[in-house]
Amino acid sequence: MTGRAACGQTSHVFDLPSLLAISDLHVGFARNRELVQELRPRHEGDWLLVAGDVADHAEQIVWALGLLASRFAKVIWAPGNHELWTRADDPVQLRGVARYEHLVGLLREVGVVTPEDPYPVWPGADGEVAVAALFVGYDYSFRVPQVHTKEEALELAYERGTVCTDEVLLHPDPYPSREAWCDARLAYTQARLEARSGCLPTILVNHYPLVREPTLVLRHPEFAIWCGTERTADWHLRFNAAAVVYGHLHIPRSTVYDGVPFEEVSVGYPREWQPRGPAPQPRVIATTTR
């Protein structure tokens, strides 16, 4: 099976290595921490994609991803907004780029692949694919129809009481704004994707959805301004994606845009997933014949 054919499966093909995905583990919650402690591969060759929001504190992020890296053949991480928060109770008080680079260094030490590392190549049944962990943020461009500027979008969000904690805890230093940091990451990431070895097909892993459509089902549509950027809207086609993996919205589901599967693999907070039944498990994105 190719990555495209395998997307959305909930059962595991036990006799084949699989490329699995999960996100929004939020291990600061005791039940979610237990969930991570229980996660194990079904095959010794399984890889695990983690699409951000592992935790709010550096120590918890390294603990969770280090544990998973000790169990899975490879763990590939794309940061979420929670990893980039600088909370007053976190001993690591670095902000912005310095915090991100600090986490990259710590996670490399425990064997985790980051967006700053070469893209690993998954041996798909129909050919190799580059598994690209991305770190591109948001630029407030996912605005509701009646809103035309960032300022208007923020005003509406504050009026409705739906404001992302990023506005307080996610600092863009040394950039002047979060959208400026997003601009820089877009340019950097696009160049890396264009230069990927052999121009292989890709599996794109980002915390935020690369297209706007998934945000249209949000209960509070004004929150979408913290959920991505219009400037990645064609990346699934431009970079020949077999699948796109994301989280952030806490609305786990499978959709298809332009023939490409998009997999939202969030766990979310215990109050969100526990009423749905058993503890969430990683989703199969692709298998291989090897």
Protein backbone atom coordinates (compact mmCIF):
# COMPACT_ATOMS: atom_id res chain seq x y z
CA MET A 1 0.00 0.00 0.00
CA THR A 2 1.11 3.53 -0.64
CA GLY A 3 0.84 6.28 1.93
CA ARG A 4 -2.17 7.57 0.00
CA ALA A 5 -4.04 4.27 0.12
CA ALA A 6 -3.32 3.64 3.78
CA CYS A 7 -4.50 7.00 5.10
CA GLY A 8 -7.40 6.92 7.50
CA GLN A 9 -6.98 3.28 8.55
CA THR A 10 -7.64 2.66 12.20
CA SER A 11 -6.39 -0.94 12.35
CA HIS A 12 -2.72 -1.81 12.30
CA VAL A 13 -1.14 -4.16 9.74
CA PHE A 14 0.80 -6.17 12.30
CA ASP A 15 3.18 -7.99 9.96
CA LEU A 16 4.41 -4.85 8.17
CA PRO A 17 6.22 -1.77 9.48
CA SER A 18 3.90 1.22 9.49
CA LEU A 19 4.24 4.97 9.46
CA LEU A 20 2.03 6.11 12.33
CA ALA A 21 0.94 9.58 13.42
CA ILE A 22 -0.40 11.31 16.51
CA SER A 23 -0.44 14.86 17.88
CA ASP A 24 -1.63 17.11 20.70
CA LEU A 25 -0.55 14.71 23.43
CA HIS A 26 -0.66 17.43 26.11
CA VAL A 27 1.17 15.31 28.65
CA GLY A 28 0.77 17.92 31.36
CA PHE A 29 -2.56 16.19 31.97
CA ALA A 30 -2.12 13.04 34.06
CA ARG A 31 -4.40 10.88 31.89
CA ASN A 32 -2.61 11.95 28.74
CA ARG A 33 0.75 11.23 30.37
CA GLU A 34 -0.52 7.72 31.11
CA LEU A 35 -1.63 7.41 27.48
CA VAL A 36 1.90 8.18 26.28
CA GLN A 37 3.36 5.69 28.75
CA GLU A 38 1.09 3.05 27.21
CA LEU A 39 1.97 3.81 23.57
CA ARG A 40 4.04 1.13 21.87
CA PRO A 41 4.74 0.11 18.29
CA ARG A 42 3.02 -2.92 16.86
CA HIS A 43 6.06 -3.76 14.71
CA GLU A 44 9.72 -3.18 15.46
CA GLY A 45 10.05 -1.13 12.27
CA ASP A 46 7.23 1.35 13.02
CA TRP A 47 7.94 5.07 12.71
CA LEU A 48 5.92 7.64 14.66
CA LEU A 49 5.08 11.15 13.47
CA VAL A 50 4.25 13.60 16.26
CA ALA A 51 2.59 16.74 14.91
CA GLY A 52 3.10 19.07 17.85
CA ASP A 53 1.62 20.14 21.17
CA VAL A 54 3.38 17.46 23.15
CA ALA A 55 3.45 19.68 26.27
CA ASP A 56 3.90 23.23 27.56
CA HIS A 57 7.14 22.66 29.50
CA ALA A 58 10.52 21.73 28.07
CA GLU A 59 11.09 18.90 30.54
CA GLN A 60 7.76 17.28 29.67
CA ILE A 61 8.40 17.60 25.92
CA VAL A 62 11.78 15.89 26.16
CA TRP A 63 10.44 13.19 28.51
CA ALA A 64 7.55 12.25 26.22
CA LEU A 65 9.42 12.29 22.92
CA GLY A 66 12.47 10.62 24.44
CA LEU A 67 10.29 7.80 25.76
CA LEU A 68 8.66 7.33 22.36
CA ALA A 69 12.03 7.47 20.59
CA SER A 70 13.24 4.62 22.81
CA ARG A 71 10.35 2.46 21.57
CA PHE A 72 9.76 3.34 17.92
CA ALA A 73 12.27 2.82 15.13
CA LYS A 74 12.08 6.56 14.39
CA VAL A 75 10.20 9.49 15.89
CA ILE A 76 9.70 12.63 13.79
CA TRP A 77 8.49 15.81 15.48
CA ALA A 78 6.94 19.02 14.18
CA PRO A 79 6.45 21.67 16.90
CA GLY A 80 3.11 23.06 17.93
CA ASN A 81 2.32 26.36 19.57
CA HIS A 82 2.36 24.86 23.08
CA GLU A 83 6.02 23.82 22.77
CA LEU A 84 6.86 27.43 21.93
CA TRP A 85 5.09 28.97 24.92
CA THR A 86 7.24 30.52 27.61
CA ARG A 87 5.33 29.90 30.82
CA ALA A 88 6.34 31.52 34.10
CA ASP A 89 6.56 28.09 35.78
CA ASP A 90 8.88 26.56 33.15
CA PRO A 91 12.55 26.59 34.25
CA VAL A 92 13.42 27.14 30.57
CA GLN A 93 12.64 30.83 30.12
CA LEU A 94 13.97 31.16 26.59
CA ARG A 95 11.66 32.86 24.10
CA GLY A 96 10.90 32.57 20.42
CA VAL A 97 13.67 31.30 18.15
CA ALA A 98 16.01 30.66 21.09
CA ARG A 99 13.42 28.40 22.74
CA TYR A 100 12.78 26.51 19.51
CA GLU A 101 16.49 25.98 18.86
CA HIS A 102 17.00 24.85 22.46
CA LEU A 103 14.27 22.22 22.04
CA VAL A 104 15.75 21.07 18.74
CA GLY A 105 19.08 20.49 20.49
CA LEU A 106 17.53 18.59 23.40
CA LEU A 107 15.41 16.40 21.13
CA ARG A 108 18.31 15.53 18.86
CA GLU A 109 20.12 14.25 21.95
CA VAL A 110 17.33 11.71 22.56
CA GLY A 111 17.18 10.65 18.92
CA VAL A 112 14.17 12.60 17.66
CA VAL A 113 14.11 13.94 14.08
CA THR A 114 13.26 17.66 13.98
CA PRO A 115 12.34 20.11 11.19
CA GLU A 116 16.00 21.14 11.09
CA ASP A 117 17.21 17.65 10.15
CA PRO A 118 17.37 15.92 6.76
CA TYR A 119 14.04 14.47 5.71
CA PRO A 120 13.98 10.71 6.41
CA VAL A 121 12.90 8.53 3.51
CA TRP A 122 10.08 6.06 4.10
CA PRO A 123 10.30 2.93 1.89
CA GLY A 124 6.74 2.92 0.62
CA ALA A 125 5.36 -0.09 -1.20
CA ASP A 126 5.03 1.98 -4.40
CA GLY A 127 8.28 3.86 -3.94
CA GLU A 128 10.15 6.04 -1.51
CA VAL A 129 8.67 9.18 0.03
CA ALA A 130 10.38 11.97 1.94
CA VAL A 131 8.83 12.48 5.38
CA ALA A 132 9.04 16.23 5.89
CA ALA A 133 8.52 17.61 9.39
CA LEU A 134 7.59 21.27 8.94
CA PHE A 135 7.61 24.25 11.23
CA VAL A 136 5.54 26.99 9.66
CA GLY A 137 3.34 29.09 11.88
CA TYR A 138 0.40 31.36 11.17
CA ASP A 139 -0.02 34.90 9.90
CA TYR A 140 -3.63 35.70 10.84
CA SER A 141 -4.76 35.16 7.23
CA PHE A 142 -7.46 32.58 8.06
CA ARG A 143 -9.98 35.33 8.71
CA VAL A 144 -13.77 35.09 8.67
CA PRO A 145 -15.37 36.61 5.55
CA GLN A 146 -16.48 39.91 7.07
CA VAL A 147 -13.01 40.68 8.45
CA HIS A 148 -10.27 42.14 6.27
CA THR A 149 -7.26 42.88 8.50
CA LYS A 150 -5.38 41.28 11.38
CA GLU A 151 -6.45 44.11 13.63
CA GLU A 152 -10.13 43.57 12.84
CA ALA A 153 -9.73 39.82 13.32
CA LEU A 154 -8.16 40.24 16.75
CA GLU A 155 -10.81 42.75 17.77
CA LEU A 156 -13.56 40.28 16.83
CA ALA A 157 -11.85 37.46 18.73
CA TYR A 158 -11.53 39.59 21.86
CA GLU A 159 -15.16 40.70 21.58
CA ARG A 160 -16.30 37.08 21.43
CA GLY A 161 -13.93 35.93 24.17
CA THR A 162 -12.13 33.47 21.89
CA VAL A 163 -8.47 34.43 22.13
CA CYS A 164 -5.54 32.04 21.77
CA THR A 165 -3.12 31.95 24.69
CA ASP A 166 -0.37 32.50 22.11
CA GLU A 167 -1.13 36.20 22.38
CA VAL A 168 0.37 36.08 25.88
CA LEU A 169 2.83 33.18 25.91
CA LEU A 170 4.15 32.67 22.36
CA HIS A 171 6.88 35.24 21.79
CA PRO A 172 8.41 35.69 18.31
CA ASP A 173 11.79 37.04 19.47
CA PRO A 174 13.91 38.25 17.73
CA TYR A 175 11.22 38.80 15.08
CA PRO A 176 8.90 41.78 15.56
CA SER A 177 5.73 39.69 15.22
CA ARG A 178 4.49 36.13 14.88
CA GLU A 179 3.62 36.73 11.24
CA ALA A 180 7.18 37.92 10.57
CA TRP A 181 8.48 34.69 12.11
CA CYS A 182 5.99 32.79 9.95
CA ASP A 183 7.27 34.61 6.84
CA ALA A 184 10.84 33.55 7.64
CA ARG A 185 9.88 29.94 8.28
CA LEU A 186 7.85 29.79 5.07
CA ALA A 187 10.81 30.92 2.98
CA TYR A 188 13.21 28.55 4.75
CA THR A 189 10.87 25.56 4.56
CA GLN A 190 9.90 26.11 0.95
CA ALA A 191 13.57 26.20 -0.07
CA ARG A 192 14.24 22.94 1.79
CA LEU A 193 11.27 21.20 0.18
CA GLU A 194 12.30 22.36 -3.27
CA ALA A 195 15.81 21.02 -2.67
CA ARG A 196 14.76 17.62 -1.28
CA SER A 197 16.73 14.66 -2.54
CA GLY A 198 15.52 13.37 -5.88
CA CYS A 199 12.38 15.53 -5.66
CA LEU A 200 10.72 12.55 -4.00
CA PRO A 201 6.99 12.55 -3.22
CA THR A 202 6.38 13.74 0.34
CA ILE A 203 4.41 13.16 3.47
CA LEU A 204 4.07 16.62 4.98
CA VAL A 205 3.82 16.87 8.78
CA ASN A 206 2.88 20.23 10.30
CA HIS A 207 1.09 21.23 13.47
CA TYR A 208 -1.33 23.47 11.59
CA PRO A 209 -3.40 22.39 8.58
CA LEU A 210 -1.79 23.54 5.35
CA VAL A 211 -5.14 24.47 3.87
CA ARG A 212 -7.94 26.54 5.34
CA GLU A 213 -10.80 24.13 4.81
CA PRO A 214 -10.34 22.12 8.06
CA THR A 215 -10.90 25.28 10.10
CA LEU A 216 -14.35 25.84 8.60
CA VAL A 217 -15.86 23.37 11.08
CA LEU A 218 -14.55 25.19 14.16
CA ARG A 219 -17.23 25.99 16.73
CA HIS A 220 -15.65 29.44 17.03
CA PRO A 221 -14.60 30.39 13.48
CA GLU A 222 -12.82 33.53 14.65
CA PHE A 223 -10.19 31.24 16.25
CA ALA A 224 -8.99 30.21 12.79
CA ILE A 225 -6.53 33.14 12.63
CA TRP A 226 -4.25 31.12 14.95
CA CYS A 227 -4.50 27.99 12.78
CA GLY A 228 -2.29 28.48 9.73
CA THR A 229 -1.55 30.56 6.68
CA GLU A 230 -3.05 30.90 3.21
CA ARG A 231 0.46 30.76 1.81
CA THR A 232 0.69 26.97 2.19
CA ALA A 233 -2.61 26.33 0.39
CA ASP A 234 -0.96 24.65 -2.62
CA TRP A 235 1.91 22.88 -0.88
CA HIS A 236 0.22 19.47 -0.96
CA LEU A 237 0.17 19.73 -4.76
CA ARG A 238 3.36 21.69 -5.24
CA PHE A 239 5.43 19.18 -3.28
CA ASN A 240 3.65 16.05 -4.51
CA ALA A 241 2.25 15.00 -1.15
CA ALA A 242 1.04 11.44 -0.67
CA ALA A 243 -0.52 12.66 2.58
CA VAL A 244 -0.60 15.64 4.93
CA VAL A 245 -0.58 15.11 8.70
CA TYR A 246 -1.59 17.84 11.14
CA GLY A 247 -3.16 18.50 14.55
CA HIS A 248 -3.98 21.65 16.55
CA LEU A 249 -7.74 21.73 15.95
CA HIS A 250 -8.56 18.80 18.28
CA ILE A 251 -10.98 17.54 15.64
CA PRO A 252 -9.50 14.16 14.62
CA ARG A 253 -10.73 13.15 11.19
CA SER A 254 -9.72 12.24 7.64
CA THR A 255 -10.47 14.49 4.68
CA VAL A 256 -9.29 14.75 1.09
CA TYR A 257 -8.36 17.92 -0.80
CA ASP A 258 -7.36 17.81 -4.46
CA GLY A 259 -7.08 14.04 -4.17
CA VAL A 260 -4.59 14.23 -1.27
CA PRO A 261 -5.51 12.72 2.13
CA PHE A 262 -5.29 15.12 5.08
CA GLU A 263 -5.11 13.41 8.47
CA GLU A 264 -5.93 15.30 11.67
CA VAL A 265 -4.41 13.09 14.37
CA SER A 266 -4.99 15.05 17.60
CA VAL A 267 -5.47 13.38 20.95
CA GLY A 268 -6.57 16.60 22.68
CA TYR A 269 -7.46 17.17 26.31
CA PRO A 270 -8.92 14.33 28.43
CA ARG A 271 -12.28 16.09 28.64
CA GLU A 272 -12.41 15.96 24.84
CA TRP A 273 -11.32 12.40 24.08
CA GLN A 274 -12.52 10.43 27.10
CA PRO A 275 -16.26 10.74 26.28
CA ARG A 276 -15.53 9.24 22.83
CA GLY A 277 -14.41 5.92 24.31
CA PRO A 278 -11.05 4.12 24.36
CA ALA A 279 -7.79 6.04 24.52
CA PRO A 280 -6.78 7.37 21.09
CA GLN A 281 -4.12 5.46 19.20
CA PRO A 282 -1.72 6.57 16.47
CA ARG A 283 -3.21 6.50 13.00
CA VAL A 284 -1.70 4.47 10.16
CA ILE A 285 -0.50 6.82 7.43
CA ALA A 286 1.45 4.35 5.30
CA THR A 287 2.83 0.80 5.28
CA THR A 288 5.69 -0.82 3.43
CA THR A 289 6.53 -4.24 2.04
CA ARG A 290 9.95 -4.28 3.74
